[in-house]
Amino acid sequence: MDEKLRQLLAEIPESPPRSKLEPHLDVIRQLRRKRLTYRQIAGFLQTHVDVSVHWTTIHAFLKVRARRRCDVLRPKYEMPEPAPTPEAATPPQSAPRVQVDYEAIKRRIAEQVRARELQAQIKPRFTYKEGDPLILMPRPKE
């Protein structure tokens, strides 16, 4: 990095923490290790540290820090290239052809069409006109 840029960066003062929980991060993590709930931690901070915060804020605060921590702690591994095997050198075999029964497919489609036609022939049991009560239709005599 250029010396001038380093000097400029050194002159910029650090910003104060954006969260009022930031100074208490270690305490909150210790309380979570002791299996305290977020509500209990919020009560602890209110009682002992005089920091009033909702329990969901503590949850979100730790969730963000955990994600960052995992990214920092997780080693960056690169998978090595697999060694070529003699089987991989041979060209792949084509998949066996599957016999399709087109007649069975046609029959199933015809059954579905017939079922829909029968469903359309069923007459409604009630008729409705706005402002009038429902009218029960008489059943056809068989």
Foldseek 3Di string as FASTA:
>chain_A
DDPVVVVVVVPDDDDDDPDPCVVVVVVLVVVVVVVDALQVVQVVCCPPVVDHDDSVVVVVVVVVVVVVVCVVPPDDDDDDDDDDDPVNPDDDDDDDDDDDDVVVVVVVVVVVVVVVVVVVPDDDQWDDDPPDDIDGDDDDDD
